[in-house]
Amino acid sequence: MADRQERLHQQITAQLTRIVELGPMLKGTVSEVRRGPRKRGSGQRTAHLLTYKGKGNKTRTVYVPAQRVSEVQSMVAKHREATRTLDRVVDLSVDLFKAKREPLAPARKER
């Protein structure tokens, strides 16, 4: 039983370390928006936007310069990985909680 608890502790620590090692991250989605024809020249204007849910579940949008799109997409992928890893930490913590439960006391005989 103690070996199992120690192993669960080690797994939780490893998962939390993995989250820290991911580095900076952003939540949300990067999308490309077409803005219409240019005033000069030919072609359409495009913009890249990061959309996410902020404080109070309010949708927020941030402009992303074209040269930083791949960087932002990488940071969004890191957030998704961190979310999955945190879910694993929660599952391991539940297993640890179950492993630490005291055995139930024997049932009392009624008179």
PDB file of N, CA and C in Angstrom:
ATOM      1  N   MET A   1       0.837  -1.199   0.000  1.00  0.00           N
ATOM      2  CA  MET A   1       0.000   0.000   0.000  1.00  0.00           C
ATOM      3  C   MET A   1       0.875   1.253   0.000  1.00  0.00           C
ATOM      4  N   ALA A   2       1.927   1.276   0.829  1.00  0.00           N
ATOM      5  CA  ALA A   2       2.802   2.447   0.887  1.00  0.00           C
ATOM      6  C   ALA A   2       3.580   2.601  -0.416  1.00  0.00           C
ATOM      7  N   ASP A   3       3.947   1.472  -1.030  1.00  0.00           N
ATOM      8  CA  ASP A   3       4.646   1.534  -2.315  1.00  0.00           C
ATOM      9  C   ASP A   3       3.760   2.164  -3.382  1.00  0.00           C
ATOM     10  N   ARG A   4       2.507   1.793  -3.363  1.00  0.00           N
ATOM     11  CA  ARG A   4       1.563   2.343  -4.348  1.00  0.00           C
ATOM     12  C   ARG A   4       1.385   3.843  -4.137  1.00  0.00           C
ATOM     13  N   GLN A   5       1.278   4.270  -2.878  1.00  0.00           N
ATOM     14  CA  GLN A   5       1.135   5.695  -2.581  1.00  0.00           C
ATOM     15  C   GLN A   5       2.379   6.460  -3.020  1.00  0.00           C
ATOM     16  N   GLU A   6       3.549   5.900  -2.760  1.00  0.00           N
ATOM     17  CA  GLU A   6       4.791   6.558  -3.152  1.00  0.00           C
ATOM     18  C   GLU A   6       4.874   6.662  -4.677  1.00  0.00           C
ATOM     19  N   ARG A   7       4.483   5.600  -5.374  1.00  0.00           N
ATOM     20  CA  ARG A   7       4.506   5.613  -6.830  1.00  0.00           C
ATOM     21  C   ARG A   7       3.541   6.670  -7.377  1.00  0.00           C
ATOM     22  N   LEU A   8       2.367   6.785  -6.767  1.00  0.00           N
ATOM     23  CA  LEU A   8       1.401   7.806  -7.195  1.00  0.00           C
ATOM     24  C   LEU A   8       1.949   9.208  -6.955  1.00  0.00           C
ATOM     25  N   HIS A   9       2.604   9.414  -5.808  1.00  0.00           N
ATOM     26  CA  HIS A   9       3.232  10.710  -5.522  1.00  0.00           C
ATOM     27  C   HIS A   9       4.280  11.046  -6.585  1.00  0.00           C
ATOM     28  N   GLN A  10       5.095  10.073  -6.947  1.00  0.00           N
ATOM     29  CA  GLN A  10       6.128  10.295  -7.959  1.00  0.00           C
ATOM     30  C   GLN A  10       5.511  10.632  -9.317  1.00  0.00           C
ATOM     31  N   GLN A  11       4.430   9.936  -9.671  1.00  0.00           N
ATOM     32  CA  GLN A  11       3.759  10.207 -10.945  1.00  0.00           C
ATOM     33  C   GLN A  11       3.157  11.607 -10.964  1.00  0.00           C
ATOM     34  N   ILE A  12       2.563  12.013  -9.845  1.00  0.00           N
ATOM     35  CA  ILE A  12       1.987  13.362  -9.759  1.00  0.00           C
ATOM     36  C   ILE A  12       3.083  14.407  -9.897  1.00  0.00           C
ATOM     37  N   THR A  13       4.189  14.209  -9.188  1.00  0.00           N
ATOM     38  CA  THR A  13       5.307  15.152  -9.273  1.00  0.00           C
ATOM     39  C   THR A  13       5.855  15.234 -10.692  1.00  0.00           C
ATOM     40  N   ALA A  14       5.959  14.092 -11.359  1.00  0.00           N
ATOM     41  CA  ALA A  14       6.464  14.072 -12.733  1.00  0.00           C
ATOM     42  C   ALA A  14       5.528  14.840 -13.671  1.00  0.00           C
ATOM     43  N   GLN A  15       4.231  14.677 -13.508  1.00  0.00           N
ATOM     44  CA  GLN A  15       3.263  15.374 -14.360  1.00  0.00           C
ATOM     45  C   GLN A  15       3.297  16.881 -14.107  1.00  0.00           C
ATOM     46  N   LEU A  16       3.408  17.284 -12.843  1.00  0.00           N
ATOM     47  CA  LEU A  16       3.479  18.717 -12.524  1.00  0.00           C
ATOM     48  C   LEU A  16       4.764  19.328 -13.072  1.00  0.00           C
ATOM     49  N   THR A  17       5.862  18.584 -13.007  1.00  0.00           N
ATOM     50  CA  THR A  17       7.128  19.057 -13.576  1.00  0.00           C
ATOM     51  C   THR A  17       6.987  19.234 -15.084  1.00  0.00           C
ATOM     52  N   ARG A  18       6.276  18.329 -15.707  1.00  0.00           N
ATOM     53  CA  ARG A  18       6.045  18.411 -17.158  1.00  0.00           C
ATOM     54  C   ARG A  18       5.305  19.697 -17.516  1.00  0.00           C
ATOM     55  N   ILE A  19       4.322  20.078 -16.708  1.00  0.00           N
ATOM     56  CA  ILE A  19       3.579  21.320 -16.960  1.00  0.00           C
ATOM     57  C   ILE A  19       4.516  22.518 -16.875  1.00  0.00           C
ATOM     58  N   VAL A  20       5.373  22.545 -15.856  1.00  0.00           N
ATOM     59  CA  VAL A  20       6.311  23.652 -15.681  1.00  0.00           C
ATOM     60  C   VAL A  20       7.271  23.735 -16.866  1.00  0.00           C
ATOM     61  N   GLU A  21       7.726  22.584 -17.345  1.00  0.00           N
ATOM     62  CA  GLU A  21       8.687  22.552 -18.444  1.00  0.00           C
ATOM     63  C   GLU A  21       8.094  23.005 -19.772  1.00  0.00           C
ATOM     64  N   LEU A  22       6.775  23.001 -19.893  1.00  0.00           N
ATOM     65  CA  LEU A  22       6.151  23.444 -21.141  1.00  0.00           C
ATOM     66  C   LEU A  22       6.443  24.912 -21.431  1.00  0.00           C
ATOM     67  N   GLY A  23       6.580  25.707 -20.394  1.00  0.00           N
ATOM     68  CA  GLY A  23       6.899  27.119 -20.574  1.00  0.00           C
ATOM     69  C   GLY A  23       5.671  27.967 -20.833  1.00  0.00           C
ATOM     70  N   PRO A  24       5.874  29.147 -21.428  1.00  0.00           N
ATOM     71  CA  PRO A  24       4.763  30.075 -21.657  1.00  0.00           C
ATOM     72  C   PRO A  24       3.689  29.451 -22.543  1.00  0.00           C
ATOM     73  N   MET A  25       2.444  29.744 -22.228  1.00  0.00           N
ATOM     74  CA  MET A  25       1.335  29.188 -22.992  1.00  0.00           C
ATOM     75  C   MET A  25       0.188  30.188 -23.072  1.00  0.00           C
ATOM     76  N   LEU A  26      -0.618  30.005 -24.073  1.00  0.00           N
ATOM     77  CA  LEU A  26      -1.806  30.831 -24.274  1.00  0.00           C
ATOM     78  C   LEU A  26      -2.999  29.918 -24.483  1.00  0.00           C
ATOM     79  N   LYS A  27      -4.139  30.299 -23.943  1.00  0.00           N
ATOM     80  CA  LYS A  27      -5.337  29.514 -24.231  1.00  0.00           C
ATOM     81  C   LYS A  27      -6.122  30.236 -25.313  1.00  0.00           C
ATOM     82  N   GLY A  28      -6.862  29.483 -26.067  1.00  0.00           N
ATOM     83  CA  GLY A  28      -7.689  30.086 -27.096  1.00  0.00           C
ATOM     84  C   GLY A  28      -7.476  29.448 -28.451  1.00  0.00           C
ATOM     85  N   THR A  29      -7.879  30.190 -29.478  1.00  0.00           N
ATOM     86  CA  THR A  29      -7.808  29.717 -30.856  1.00  0.00           C
ATOM     87  C   THR A  29      -7.274  30.833 -31.731  1.00  0.00           C
ATOM     88  N   VAL A  30      -6.369  30.478 -32.635  1.00  0.00           N
ATOM     89  CA  VAL A  30      -5.857  31.448 -33.604  1.00  0.00           C
ATOM     90  C   VAL A  30      -6.656  31.267 -34.889  1.00  0.00           C
ATOM     91  N   SER A  31      -7.184  32.363 -35.405  1.00  0.00           N
ATOM     92  CA  SER A  31      -7.944  32.284 -36.651  1.00  0.00           C
ATOM     93  C   SER A  31      -7.505  33.383 -37.598  1.00  0.00           C
ATOM     94  N   GLU A  32      -7.724  33.117 -38.888  1.00  0.00           N
ATOM     95  CA  GLU A  32      -7.397  34.090 -39.914  1.00  0.00           C
ATOM     96  C   GLU A  32      -8.700  34.732 -40.372  1.00  0.00           C
ATOM     97  N   VAL A  33      -8.717  36.059 -40.407  1.00  0.00           N
ATOM     98  CA  VAL A  33      -9.925  36.796 -40.771  1.00  0.00           C
ATOM     99  C   VAL A  33      -9.629  37.597 -42.027  1.00  0.00           C
ATOM    100  N   ARG A  34     -10.486  37.477 -43.017  1.00  0.00           N
ATOM    101  CA  ARG A  34     -10.331  38.261 -44.250  1.00  0.00           C
ATOM    102  C   ARG A  34     -11.053  39.594 -44.059  1.00  0.00           C
ATOM    103  N   ARG A  35     -10.342  40.666 -44.364  1.00  0.00           N
ATOM    104  CA  ARG A  35     -10.846  42.000 -44.068  1.00  0.00           C
ATOM    105  C   ARG A  35     -11.404  42.741 -45.289  1.00  0.00           C
ATOM    106  N   GLY A  36     -11.327  42.182 -46.459  1.00  0.00           N
ATOM    107  CA  GLY A  36     -11.821  42.873 -47.648  1.00  0.00           C
ATOM    108  C   GLY A  36     -10.676  43.379 -48.500  1.00  0.00           C
ATOM    109  N   PRO A  37     -11.004  44.013 -49.618  1.00  0.00           N
ATOM    110  CA  PRO A  37      -9.947  44.435 -50.554  1.00  0.00           C
ATOM    111  C   PRO A  37      -9.074  45.543 -49.958  1.00  0.00           C
ATOM    112  N   ARG A  38      -7.839  45.568 -50.420  1.00  0.00           N
ATOM    113  CA  ARG A  38      -6.902  46.612 -49.993  1.00  0.00           C
ATOM    114  C   ARG A  38      -7.254  47.925 -50.687  1.00  0.00           C
ATOM    115  N   LYS A  39      -6.893  49.032 -50.068  1.00  0.00           N
ATOM    116  CA  LYS A  39      -7.143  50.329 -50.690  1.00  0.00           C
ATOM    117  C   LYS A  39      -6.233  50.522 -51.892  1.00  0.00           C
ATOM    118  N   ARG A  40      -5.001  50.051 -51.749  1.00  0.00           N
ATOM    119  CA  ARG A  40      -4.044  50.146 -52.849  1.00  0.00           C
ATOM    120  C   ARG A  40      -3.566  48.750 -53.197  1.00  0.00           C
ATOM    121  N   GLY A  41      -3.353  48.497 -54.441  1.00  0.00           N
ATOM    122  CA  GLY A  41      -2.858  47.185 -54.863  1.00  0.00           C
ATOM    123  C   GLY A  41      -3.994  46.185 -54.975  1.00  0.00           C
ATOM    124  N   SER A  42      -3.602  44.926 -55.172  1.00  0.00           N
ATOM    125  CA  SER A  42      -4.611  43.895 -55.342  1.00  0.00           C
ATOM    126  C   SER A  42      -4.567  42.922 -54.172  1.00  0.00           C
ATOM    127  N   GLY A  43      -5.582  42.125 -54.054  1.00  0.00           N
ATOM    128  CA  GLY A  43      -5.645  41.117 -52.999  1.00  0.00           C
ATOM    129  C   GLY A  43      -6.491  41.576 -51.830  1.00  0.00           C
ATOM    130  N   GLN A  44      -6.661  40.642 -50.899  1.00  0.00           N
ATOM    131  CA  GLN A  44      -7.457  40.938 -49.717  1.00  0.00           C
ATOM    132  C   GLN A  44      -6.552  41.133 -48.508  1.00  0.00           C
ATOM    133  N   ARG A  45      -7.041  41.908 -47.581  1.00  0.00           N
ATOM    134  CA  ARG A  45      -6.325  42.074 -46.315  1.00  0.00           C
ATOM    135  C   ARG A  45      -6.706  40.909 -45.411  1.00  0.00           C
ATOM    136  N   THR A  46      -5.740  40.360 -44.711  1.00  0.00           N
ATOM    137  CA  THR A  46      -6.022  39.303 -43.736  1.00  0.00           C
ATOM    138  C   THR A  46      -5.399  39.697 -42.400  1.00  0.00           C
ATOM    139  N   ALA A  47      -6.035  39.244 -41.363  1.00  0.00           N
ATOM    140  CA  ALA A  47      -5.529  39.482 -40.009  1.00  0.00           C
ATOM    141  C   ALA A  47      -5.624  38.166 -39.242  1.00  0.00           C
ATOM    142  N   HIS A  48      -4.742  37.970 -38.298  1.00  0.00           N
ATOM    143  CA  HIS A  48      -4.765  36.793 -37.439  1.00  0.00           C
ATOM    144  C   HIS A  48      -5.171  37.242 -36.043  1.00  0.00           C
ATOM    145  N   LEU A  49      -6.114  36.512 -35.465  1.00  0.00           N
ATOM    146  CA  LEU A  49      -6.645  36.877 -34.156  1.00  0.00           C
ATOM    147  C   LEU A  49      -6.591  35.697 -33.204  1.00  0.00           C
ATOM    148  N   LEU A  50      -6.240  35.972 -31.961  1.00  0.00           N
ATOM    149  CA  LEU A  50      -6.305  34.986 -30.889  1.00  0.00           C
ATOM    150  C   LEU A  50      -7.572  35.286 -30.105  1.00  0.00           C
ATOM    151  N   THR A  51      -8.473  34.308 -30.038  1.00  0.00           N
ATOM    152  CA  THR A  51      -9.728  34.483 -29.311  1.00  0.00           C
ATOM    153  C   THR A  51      -9.740  33.522 -28.134  1.00  0.00           C
ATOM    154  N   TYR A  52     -10.107  34.024 -26.958  1.00  0.00           N
ATOM    155  CA  TYR A  52     -10.143  33.195 -25.755  1.00  0.00           C
ATOM    156  C   TYR A  52     -11.199  33.718 -24.802  1.00  0.00           C
ATOM    157  N   LYS A  53     -11.562  32.885 -23.825  1.00  0.00           N
ATOM    158  CA  LYS A  53     -12.507  33.290 -22.787  1.00  0.00           C
ATOM    159  C   LYS A  53     -11.716  33.878 -21.623  1.00  0.00           C
ATOM    160  N   GLY A  54     -12.029  35.114 -21.278  1.00  0.00           N
ATOM    161  CA  GLY A  54     -11.325  35.798 -20.206  1.00  0.00           C
ATOM    162  C   GLY A  54     -12.113  35.794 -18.915  1.00  0.00           C
ATOM    163  N   LYS A  55     -11.775  36.734 -18.056  1.00  0.00           N
ATOM    164  CA  LYS A  55     -12.413  36.860 -16.751  1.00  0.00           C
ATOM    165  C   LYS A  55     -13.917  37.026 -16.914  1.00  0.00           C
ATOM    166  N   GLY A  56     -14.662  36.313 -16.105  1.00  0.00           N
ATOM    167  CA  GLY A  56     -16.118  36.395 -16.178  1.00  0.00           C
ATOM    168  C   GLY A  56     -16.673  35.714 -17.420  1.00  0.00           C
ATOM    169  N   ASN A  57     -15.912  34.791 -18.001  1.00  0.00           N
ATOM    170  CA  ASN A  57     -16.309  34.048 -19.193  1.00  0.00           C
ATOM    171  C   ASN A  57     -16.614  34.970 -20.371  1.00  0.00           C
ATOM    172  N   LYS A  58     -15.940  36.102 -20.403  1.00  0.00           N
ATOM    173  CA  LYS A  58     -16.120  37.069 -21.482  1.00  0.00           C
ATOM    174  C   LYS A  58     -15.130  36.768 -22.603  1.00  0.00           C
ATOM    175  N   THR A  59     -15.611  36.763 -23.835  1.00  0.00           N
ATOM    176  CA  THR A  59     -14.746  36.480 -24.977  1.00  0.00           C
ATOM    177  C   THR A  59     -13.836  37.664 -25.240  1.00  0.00           C
ATOM    178  N   ARG A  60     -12.557  37.373 -25.370  1.00  0.00           N
ATOM    179  CA  ARG A  60     -11.543  38.393 -25.640  1.00  0.00           C
ATOM    180  C   ARG A  60     -10.853  38.057 -26.952  1.00  0.00           C
ATOM    181  N   THR A  61     -10.420  39.068 -27.667  1.00  0.00           N
ATOM    182  CA  THR A  61      -9.710  38.892 -28.923  1.00  0.00           C
ATOM    183  C   THR A  61      -8.460  39.745 -28.914  1.00  0.00           C
ATOM    184  N   VAL A  62      -7.349  39.150 -29.363  1.00  0.00           N
ATOM    185  CA  VAL A  62      -6.066  39.835 -29.413  1.00  0.00           C
ATOM    186  C   VAL A  62      -5.518  39.693 -30.828  1.00  0.00           C
ATOM    187  N   TYR A  63      -5.051  40.798 -31.400  1.00  0.00           N
ATOM    188  CA  TYR A  63      -4.437  40.778 -32.726  1.00  0.00           C
ATOM    189  C   TYR A  63      -3.094  40.070 -32.655  1.00  0.00           C
ATOM    190  N   VAL A  64      -2.825  39.219 -33.643  1.00  0.00           N
ATOM    191  CA  VAL A  64      -1.550  38.502 -33.724  1.00  0.00           C
ATOM    192  C   VAL A  64      -0.859  38.914 -35.023  1.00  0.00           C
ATOM    193  N   PRO A  65       0.317  39.538 -34.949  1.00  0.00           N
ATOM    194  CA  PRO A  65       1.048  39.885 -36.175  1.00  0.00           C
ATOM    195  C   PRO A  65       1.370  38.617 -36.979  1.00  0.00           C
ATOM    196  N   ALA A  66       1.369  38.736 -38.295  1.00  0.00           N
ATOM    197  CA  ALA A  66       1.573  37.583 -39.178  1.00  0.00           C
ATOM    198  C   ALA A  66       2.865  36.838 -38.871  1.00  0.00           C
ATOM    199  N   GLN A  67       3.932  37.550 -38.533  1.00  0.00           N
ATOM    200  CA  GLN A  67       5.212  36.894 -38.271  1.00  0.00           C
ATOM    201  C   GLN A  67       5.227  36.130 -36.951  1.00  0.00           C
ATOM    202  N   ARG A  68       4.238  36.316 -36.094  1.00  0.00           N
ATOM    203  CA  ARG A  68       4.209  35.621 -34.798  1.00  0.00           C
ATOM    204  C   ARG A  68       3.132  34.542 -34.720  1.00  0.00           C
ATOM    205  N   VAL A  69       2.453  34.262 -35.832  1.00  0.00           N
ATOM    206  CA  VAL A  69       1.362  33.286 -35.822  1.00  0.00           C
ATOM    207  C   VAL A  69       1.845  31.909 -35.380  1.00  0.00           C
ATOM    208  N   SER A  70       2.957  31.428 -35.934  1.00  0.00           N
ATOM    209  CA  SER A  70       3.441  30.088 -35.569  1.00  0.00           C
ATOM    210  C   SER A  70       3.834  30.027 -34.091  1.00  0.00           C
ATOM    211  N   GLU A  71       4.405  31.102 -33.571  1.00  0.00           N
ATOM    212  CA  GLU A  71       4.772  31.155 -32.148  1.00  0.00           C
ATOM    213  C   GLU A  71       3.528  31.054 -31.265  1.00  0.00           C
ATOM    214  N   VAL A  72       2.490  31.795 -31.632  1.00  0.00           N
ATOM    215  CA  VAL A  72       1.251  31.782 -30.850  1.00  0.00           C
ATOM    216  C   VAL A  72       0.575  30.421 -30.952  1.00  0.00           C
ATOM    217  N   GLN A  73       0.565  29.814 -32.145  1.00  0.00           N
ATOM    218  CA  GLN A  73      -0.027  28.487 -32.294  1.00  0.00           C
ATOM    219  C   GLN A  73       0.703  27.466 -31.435  1.00  0.00           C
ATOM    220  N   SER A  74       2.020  27.589 -31.336  1.00  0.00           N
ATOM    221  CA  SER A  74       2.798  26.701 -30.481  1.00  0.00           C
ATOM    222  C   SER A  74       2.418  26.889 -29.007  1.00  0.00           C
ATOM    223  N   MET A  75       2.220  28.129 -28.602  1.00  0.00           N
ATOM    224  CA  MET A  75       1.846  28.408 -27.212  1.00  0.00           C
ATOM    225  C   MET A  75       0.443  27.890 -26.905  1.00  0.00           C
ATOM    226  N   VAL A  76      -0.456  27.951 -27.883  1.00  0.00           N
ATOM    227  CA  VAL A  76      -1.807  27.412 -27.703  1.00  0.00           C
ATOM    228  C   VAL A  76      -1.737  25.892 -27.569  1.00  0.00           C
ATOM    229  N   ALA A  77      -0.891  25.241 -28.378  1.00  0.00           N
ATOM    230  CA  ALA A  77      -0.714  23.789 -28.280  1.00  0.00           C
ATOM    231  C   ALA A  77      -0.156  23.395 -26.907  1.00  0.00           C
ATOM    232  N   LYS A  78       0.741  24.208 -26.368  1.00  0.00           N
ATOM    233  CA  LYS A  78       1.284  23.941 -25.033  1.00  0.00           C
ATOM    234  C   LYS A  78       0.176  24.013 -23.983  1.00  0.00           C
ATOM    235  N   HIS A  79      -0.752  24.945 -24.144  1.00  0.00           N
ATOM    236  CA  HIS A  79      -1.861  25.052 -23.192  1.00  0.00           C
ATOM    237  C   HIS A  79      -2.738  23.809 -23.255  1.00  0.00           C
ATOM    238  N   ARG A  80      -2.996  23.321 -24.458  1.00  0.00           N
ATOM    239  CA  ARG A  80      -3.803  22.098 -24.593  1.00  0.00           C
ATOM    240  C   ARG A  80      -3.101  20.919 -23.915  1.00  0.00           C
ATOM    241  N   GLU A  81      -1.790  20.812 -24.117  1.00  0.00           N
ATOM    242  CA  GLU A  81      -1.025  19.739 -23.488  1.00  0.00           C
ATOM    243  C   GLU A  81      -1.047  19.885 -21.965  1.00  0.00           C
ATOM    244  N   ALA A  82      -0.929  21.111 -21.471  1.00  0.00           N
ATOM    245  CA  ALA A  82      -0.967  21.350 -20.021  1.00  0.00           C
ATOM    246  C   ALA A  82      -2.327  20.963 -19.450  1.00  0.00           C
ATOM    247  N   THR A  83      -3.393  21.229 -20.189  1.00  0.00           N
ATOM    248  CA  THR A  83      -4.742  20.874 -19.735  1.00  0.00           C
ATOM    249  C   THR A  83      -4.886  19.361 -19.632  1.00  0.00           C
ATOM    250  N   ARG A  84      -4.403  18.645 -20.656  1.00  0.00           N
ATOM    251  CA  ARG A  84      -4.461  17.174 -20.615  1.00  0.00           C
ATOM    252  C   ARG A  84      -3.618  16.630 -19.461  1.00  0.00           C
ATOM    253  N   THR A  85      -2.440  17.221 -19.251  1.00  0.00           N
ATOM    254  CA  THR A  85      -1.568  16.773 -18.175  1.00  0.00           C
ATOM    255  C   THR A  85      -2.204  17.044 -16.815  1.00  0.00           C
ATOM    256  N   LEU A  86      -2.838  18.185 -16.667  1.00  0.00           N
ATOM    257  CA  LEU A  86      -3.515  18.500 -15.411  1.00  0.00           C
ATOM    258  C   LEU A  86      -4.665  17.533 -15.150  1.00  0.00           C
ATOM    259  N   ASP A  87      -5.366  17.124 -16.195  1.00  0.00           N
ATOM    260  CA  ASP A  87      -6.415  16.115 -16.033  1.00  0.00           C
ATOM    261  C   ASP A  87      -5.827  14.807 -15.508  1.00  0.00           C
ATOM    262  N   ARG A  88      -4.633  14.439 -16.016  1.00  0.00           N
ATOM    263  CA  ARG A  88      -3.969  13.232 -15.516  1.00  0.00           C
ATOM    264  C   ARG A  88      -3.583  13.396 -14.053  1.00  0.00           C
ATOM    265  N   VAL A  89      -3.139  14.593 -13.651  1.00  0.00           N
ATOM    266  CA  VAL A  89      -2.785  14.853 -12.254  1.00  0.00           C
ATOM    267  C   VAL A  89      -4.015  14.666 -11.364  1.00  0.00           C
ATOM    268  N   VAL A  90      -5.146  15.157 -11.819  1.00  0.00           N
ATOM    269  CA  VAL A  90      -6.381  15.009 -11.033  1.00  0.00           C
ATOM    270  C   VAL A  90      -6.741  13.533 -10.894  1.00  0.00           C
ATOM    271  N   ASP A  91      -6.645  12.779 -11.985  1.00  0.00           N
ATOM    272  CA  ASP A  91      -6.942  11.342 -11.916  1.00  0.00           C
ATOM    273  C   ASP A  91      -6.002  10.626 -10.947  1.00  0.00           C
ATOM    274  N   LEU A  92      -4.717  10.951 -11.019  1.00  0.00           N
ATOM    275  CA  LEU A  92      -3.752  10.343 -10.100  1.00  0.00           C
ATOM    276  C   LEU A  92      -4.031  10.746  -8.657  1.00  0.00           C
ATOM    277  N   SER A  93      -4.448  11.981  -8.440  1.00  0.00           N
ATOM    278  CA  SER A  93      -4.754  12.454  -7.090  1.00  0.00           C
ATOM    279  C   SER A  93      -5.968  11.725  -6.518  1.00  0.00           C
ATOM    280  N   VAL A  94      -6.940  11.446  -7.367  1.00  0.00           N
ATOM    281  CA  VAL A  94      -8.112  10.677  -6.916  1.00  0.00           C
ATOM    282  C   VAL A  94      -7.662   9.273  -6.517  1.00  0.00           C
ATOM    283  N   ASP A  95      -6.803   8.661  -7.340  1.00  0.00           N
ATOM    284  CA  ASP A  95      -6.278   7.329  -6.994  1.00  0.00           C
ATOM    285  C   ASP A  95      -5.509   7.371  -5.676  1.00  0.00           C
ATOM    286  N   LEU A  96      -4.726   8.427  -5.470  1.00  0.00           N
ATOM    287  CA  LEU A  96      -3.981   8.574  -4.220  1.00  0.00           C
ATOM    288  C   LEU A  96      -4.931   8.732  -3.038  1.00  0.00           C
ATOM    289  N   PHE A  97      -5.971   9.505  -3.228  1.00  0.00           N
ATOM    290  CA  PHE A  97      -6.965   9.693  -2.164  1.00  0.00           C
ATOM    291  C   PHE A  97      -7.606   8.358  -1.802  1.00  0.00           C
ATOM    292  N   LYS A  98      -7.951   7.576  -2.817  1.00  0.00           N
ATOM    293  CA  LYS A  98      -8.563   6.273  -2.550  1.00  0.00           C
ATOM    294  C   LYS A  98      -7.585   5.340  -1.851  1.00  0.00           C
ATOM    295  N   ALA A  99      -6.310   5.418  -2.207  1.00  0.00           N
ATOM    296  CA  ALA A  99      -5.306   4.548  -1.603  1.00  0.00           C
ATOM    297  C   ALA A  99      -5.055   4.895  -0.131  1.00  0.00           C
ATOM    298  N   LYS A 100      -5.269   6.156   0.226  1.00  0.00           N
ATOM    299  CA  LYS A 100      -5.000   6.594   1.606  1.00  0.00           C
ATOM    300  C   LYS A 100      -6.177   6.389   2.539  1.00  0.00           C
ATOM    301  N   ARG A 101      -7.313   5.985   2.003  1.00  0.00           N
ATOM    302  CA  ARG A 101      -8.479   5.822   2.866  1.00  0.00           C
ATOM    303  C   ARG A 101      -8.212   4.786   3.951  1.00  0.00           C
ATOM    304  N   GLU A 102      -8.694   5.095   5.117  1.00  0.00           N
ATOM    305  CA  GLU A 102      -8.581   4.160   6.236  1.00  0.00           C
ATOM    306  C   GLU A 102      -9.577   3.029   6.008  1.00  0.00           C
ATOM    307  N   PRO A 103      -9.216   1.832   6.403  1.00  0.00           N
ATOM    308  CA  PRO A 103     -10.196   0.748   6.285  1.00  0.00           C
ATOM    309  C   PRO A 103     -11.392   1.058   7.185  1.00  0.00           C
ATOM    310  N   LEU A 104     -12.545   0.661   6.718  1.00  0.00           N
ATOM    311  CA  LEU A 104     -13.757   0.927   7.489  1.00  0.00           C
ATOM    312  C   LEU A 104     -13.732   0.151   8.801  1.00  0.00           C
ATOM    313  N   ALA A 105     -14.267   0.782   9.838  1.00  0.00           N
ATOM    314  CA  ALA A 105     -14.348   0.120  11.139  1.00  0.00           C
ATOM    315  C   ALA A 105     -15.374  -1.011  11.030  1.00  0.00           C
ATOM    316  N   PRO A 106     -15.159  -2.062  11.786  1.00  0.00           N
ATOM    317  CA  PRO A 106     -16.122  -3.170  11.730  1.00  0.00           C
ATOM    318  C   PRO A 106     -17.511  -2.688  12.146  1.00  0.00           C
ATOM    319  N   ALA A 107     -18.507  -3.252  11.530  1.00  0.00           N
ATOM    320  CA  ALA A 107     -19.882  -2.855  11.844  1.00  0.00           C
ATOM    321  C   ALA A 107     -20.209  -3.234  13.287  1.00  0.00           C
ATOM    322  N   ARG A 108     -20.929  -2.342  13.964  1.00  0.00           N
ATOM    323  CA  ARG A 108     -21.320  -2.595  15.346  1.00  0.00           C
ATOM    324  C   ARG A 108     -22.531  -3.518  15.369  1.00  0.00           C
ATOM    325  N   LYS A 109     -22.518  -4.409  16.309  1.00  0.00           N
ATOM    326  CA  LYS A 109     -23.681  -5.299  16.455  1.00  0.00           C
ATOM    327  C   LYS A 109     -24.767  -4.555  17.200  1.00  0.00           C
ATOM    328  N   GLU A 110     -25.959  -4.668  16.669  1.00  0.00           N
ATOM    329  CA  GLU A 110     -27.084  -4.012  17.343  1.00  0.00           C
ATOM    330  C   GLU A 110     -27.580  -4.909  18.444  1.00  0.00           C
ATOM    331  N   ARG A 111     -28.044  -4.310  19.513  1.00  0.00           N
ATOM    332  CA  ARG A 111     -28.528  -5.064  20.660  1.00  0.00           C
ATOM    333  C   ARG A 111     -29.965  -5.427  20.523  1.00  0.00           C
TER     334      ARG A 111
END
